Amino acid sequence: MISKIFDLIPVVLFFSAYKCWDIYAATLAIMLALTAQILFLKLRHEIIKAPRWITFVIVLILGSITLLLRNEIFIKWKPTIVYGFFAMSILGYQWFCGKCVMQKLMGDKITLQNEQWKVLNYSWAVFFSVMAALNLVVVFLCSTNTWVNFKVFGILGSTILFGALQTWYLSRYLKE
């Protein structure tokens, strides 16, 4: 529970800074929050998993460009790039290595048949692809305010709901 709250701190700071100031303050807030998280985890000698590093690097790059050029479009692309990368990684690992990323991540906790692992893998790849595409739709058709609300509540809510549905489906396969 604590780690989930810890993961939400950058999102809360991003949203709060946007509502109090603007997208540029929000961009700086999320960049600083993610940097602080990485430093905190490093100081505690914790392993920082690839998704956190990927998100951190993409936010730093796109956030820096956003702040330097004073153009919000770059930070708005972050969910599309991150989710697109996750979808391509899941599919690429399966297609080129013949292994399921989800099996690698959860194989010690769940027993599934190969076909079930593939279904799980594809479902996450489709979810990430849909979220990447939806982000683009909102970026190009809606206001910045709508995009911020979509990013914070729509993407986060969809991810929580999808994860809960996956958990419910997989619960019957959990190892004791």
Protein backbone atom coordinates (compact mmCIF):
# COMPACT_ATOMS: atom_id res chain seq x y z
CA MET A 1 0.00 0.00 0.00
CA ILE A 2 2.81 2.42 0.92
CA SER A 3 4.60 1.72 -2.37
CA LYS A 4 1.40 2.50 -4.33
CA ILE A 5 1.09 5.85 -2.53
CA PHE A 6 4.79 6.46 -3.17
CA ASP A 7 4.18 5.85 -6.90
CA LEU A 8 1.30 8.34 -6.95
CA ILE A 9 3.26 11.26 -5.47
CA PRO A 10 4.58 12.55 -8.84
CA VAL A 11 1.07 12.38 -10.34
CA VAL A 12 -0.44 14.25 -7.39
CA LEU A 13 2.28 16.90 -7.57
CA PHE A 14 1.85 17.23 -11.35
CA PHE A 15 -1.91 17.69 -10.99
CA SER A 16 -1.60 20.09 -8.05
CA ALA A 17 1.02 22.24 -9.77
CA TYR A 18 -1.11 22.39 -12.92
CA LYS A 19 -4.21 23.44 -10.99
CA CYS A 20 -2.28 26.05 -8.97
CA TRP A 21 -0.09 27.41 -11.78
CA ASP A 22 0.22 25.98 -15.28
CA ILE A 23 1.48 23.09 -17.39
CA TYR A 24 5.08 24.28 -17.13
CA ALA A 25 5.02 24.27 -13.34
CA ALA A 26 3.39 20.85 -13.50
CA THR A 27 6.09 19.61 -15.85
CA LEU A 28 8.83 20.84 -13.52
CA ALA A 29 7.01 19.31 -10.54
CA ILE A 30 6.82 15.84 -12.08
CA MET A 31 10.45 16.03 -13.21
CA LEU A 32 11.60 16.94 -9.69
CA ALA A 33 9.32 14.38 -8.04
CA LEU A 34 10.55 11.53 -10.24
CA THR A 35 14.17 12.59 -9.68
CA ALA A 36 13.58 12.63 -5.92
CA GLN A 37 12.00 9.17 -6.11
CA ILE A 38 14.95 7.73 -8.02
CA LEU A 39 17.42 9.28 -5.57
CA PHE A 40 15.41 8.03 -2.59
CA LEU A 41 15.33 4.48 -3.97
CA LYS A 42 19.05 4.61 -4.80
CA LEU A 43 19.91 5.81 -1.28
CA ARG A 44 17.91 2.88 0.11
CA HIS A 45 19.82 0.55 -2.24
CA GLU A 46 16.56 -0.68 -3.75
CA ILE A 47 16.35 -2.18 -7.20
CA ILE A 48 14.76 0.25 -9.62
CA LYS A 49 12.79 -1.67 -12.21
CA ALA A 50 12.90 -0.90 -15.92
CA PRO A 51 9.41 0.71 -16.18
CA ARG A 52 10.35 3.31 -13.57
CA TRP A 53 13.65 4.09 -15.36
CA ILE A 54 11.90 4.34 -18.73
CA THR A 55 9.25 6.70 -17.38
CA PHE A 56 11.90 8.77 -15.58
CA VAL A 57 14.10 9.17 -18.65
CA ILE A 58 11.19 9.99 -20.97
CA VAL A 59 9.79 12.55 -18.52
CA LEU A 60 13.20 14.19 -18.15
CA ILE A 61 13.75 14.38 -21.90
CA LEU A 62 10.25 15.53 -22.87
CA GLY A 63 9.92 17.73 -19.80
CA SER A 64 13.21 19.47 -20.55
CA ILE A 65 12.18 20.10 -24.15
CA THR A 66 8.79 21.37 -22.94
CA LEU A 67 10.42 23.82 -20.54
CA LEU A 68 13.19 24.94 -22.91
CA LEU A 69 10.89 25.55 -25.87
CA ARG A 70 7.89 26.60 -23.76
CA ASN A 71 5.79 24.17 -25.79
CA GLU A 72 3.46 21.85 -23.89
CA ILE A 73 3.04 19.36 -26.74
CA PHE A 74 6.20 17.49 -25.74
CA ILE A 75 5.08 16.60 -22.21
CA LYS A 76 1.67 15.67 -23.61
CA TRP A 77 3.35 13.01 -25.76
CA LYS A 78 4.81 11.28 -22.69
CA PRO A 79 1.93 8.79 -22.10
CA THR A 80 1.86 7.84 -25.78
CA ILE A 81 5.61 7.25 -25.89
CA VAL A 82 5.73 5.35 -22.58
CA TYR A 83 2.70 3.18 -23.33
CA GLY A 84 3.80 2.64 -26.92
CA PHE A 85 7.22 1.54 -25.69
CA PHE A 86 5.65 -0.85 -23.17
CA ALA A 87 3.36 -2.36 -25.83
CA MET A 88 6.22 -2.79 -28.31
CA SER A 89 8.46 -4.28 -25.61
CA ILE A 90 5.84 -6.82 -24.59
CA LEU A 91 5.16 -7.85 -28.18
CA GLY A 92 8.79 -7.70 -29.30
CA TYR A 93 9.99 -9.85 -26.41
CA GLN A 94 7.35 -12.44 -27.23
CA TRP A 95 7.91 -12.39 -30.99
CA PHE A 96 11.71 -12.24 -31.04
CA CYS A 97 12.63 -14.09 -27.86
CA GLY A 98 9.68 -16.46 -27.78
CA LYS A 99 8.94 -15.57 -24.17
CA CYS A 100 6.17 -13.66 -22.45
CA VAL A 101 7.15 -10.57 -20.47
CA MET A 102 4.23 -11.20 -18.12
CA GLN A 103 5.50 -14.71 -17.41
CA LYS A 104 8.92 -13.28 -16.62
CA LEU A 105 7.33 -10.71 -14.27
CA MET A 106 4.79 -12.98 -12.57
CA GLY A 107 5.86 -16.56 -13.25
CA ASP A 108 6.96 -17.14 -9.67
CA LYS A 109 3.51 -16.14 -8.36
CA ILE A 110 1.13 -17.64 -10.92
CA THR A 111 0.96 -20.92 -12.78
CA LEU A 112 -0.44 -20.60 -16.30
CA GLN A 113 -0.30 -22.62 -19.47
CA ASN A 114 1.70 -21.13 -22.37
CA GLU A 115 -1.47 -20.07 -24.18
CA GLN A 116 -2.77 -18.31 -21.05
CA TRP A 117 0.53 -16.43 -20.72
CA LYS A 118 0.23 -15.35 -24.35
CA VAL A 119 -3.34 -14.11 -23.80
CA LEU A 120 -2.21 -12.16 -20.74
CA ASN A 121 0.74 -10.76 -22.66
CA TYR A 122 -1.39 -9.70 -25.63
CA SER A 123 -4.07 -8.20 -23.40
CA TRP A 124 -1.51 -5.89 -21.76
CA ALA A 125 0.01 -5.00 -25.13
CA VAL A 126 -3.45 -4.12 -26.48
CA PHE A 127 -4.27 -2.12 -23.34
CA PHE A 128 -1.06 -0.09 -23.62
CA SER A 129 -1.63 0.45 -27.34
CA VAL A 130 -5.19 1.68 -26.77
CA MET A 131 -4.06 4.03 -24.00
CA ALA A 132 -1.27 5.40 -26.24
CA ALA A 133 -3.76 6.04 -29.04
CA LEU A 134 -6.36 7.57 -26.71
CA ASN A 135 -3.76 9.94 -25.37
CA LEU A 136 -3.06 11.18 -28.90
CA VAL A 137 -6.76 11.73 -29.52
CA VAL A 138 -7.06 13.80 -26.34
CA VAL A 139 -3.82 15.70 -27.06
CA PHE A 140 -4.94 16.80 -30.51
CA LEU A 141 -8.69 17.23 -30.01
CA CYS A 142 -8.98 18.63 -26.49
CA SER A 143 -7.72 21.47 -24.32
CA THR A 144 -4.72 21.17 -22.03
CA ASN A 145 -7.08 21.15 -19.05
CA THR A 146 -8.98 18.19 -20.49
CA TRP A 147 -5.71 16.42 -21.26
CA VAL A 148 -4.43 16.88 -17.68
CA ASN A 149 -7.70 15.49 -16.30
CA PHE A 150 -7.54 12.59 -18.78
CA LYS A 151 -3.91 11.88 -17.87
CA VAL A 152 -4.53 11.93 -14.14
CA PHE A 153 -7.99 10.38 -13.92
CA GLY A 154 -8.63 8.66 -17.24
CA ILE A 155 -5.30 6.92 -17.75
CA LEU A 156 -4.74 6.21 -14.06
CA GLY A 157 -8.33 5.02 -13.59
CA SER A 158 -8.19 2.83 -16.69
CA THR A 159 -4.91 1.29 -15.57
CA ILE A 160 -6.28 0.55 -12.10
CA LEU A 161 -9.48 -0.94 -13.55
CA PHE A 162 -7.61 -3.03 -16.12
CA GLY A 163 -5.16 -4.22 -13.45
CA ALA A 164 -8.04 -5.13 -11.13
CA LEU A 165 -9.74 -7.11 -13.89
CA GLN A 166 -6.48 -8.90 -14.65
CA THR A 167 -6.00 -9.63 -10.94
CA TRP A 168 -9.51 -11.02 -10.67
CA TYR A 169 -8.97 -13.22 -13.72
CA LEU A 170 -5.56 -14.42 -12.50
CA SER A 171 -6.55 -14.95 -8.85
CA ARG A 172 -7.58 -18.54 -9.54
CA TYR A 173 -4.01 -19.30 -10.68
CA LEU A 174 -2.13 -17.81 -7.71
CA LYS A 175 0.33 -20.12 -6.00
CA GLU A 176 -0.21 -20.72 -2.32
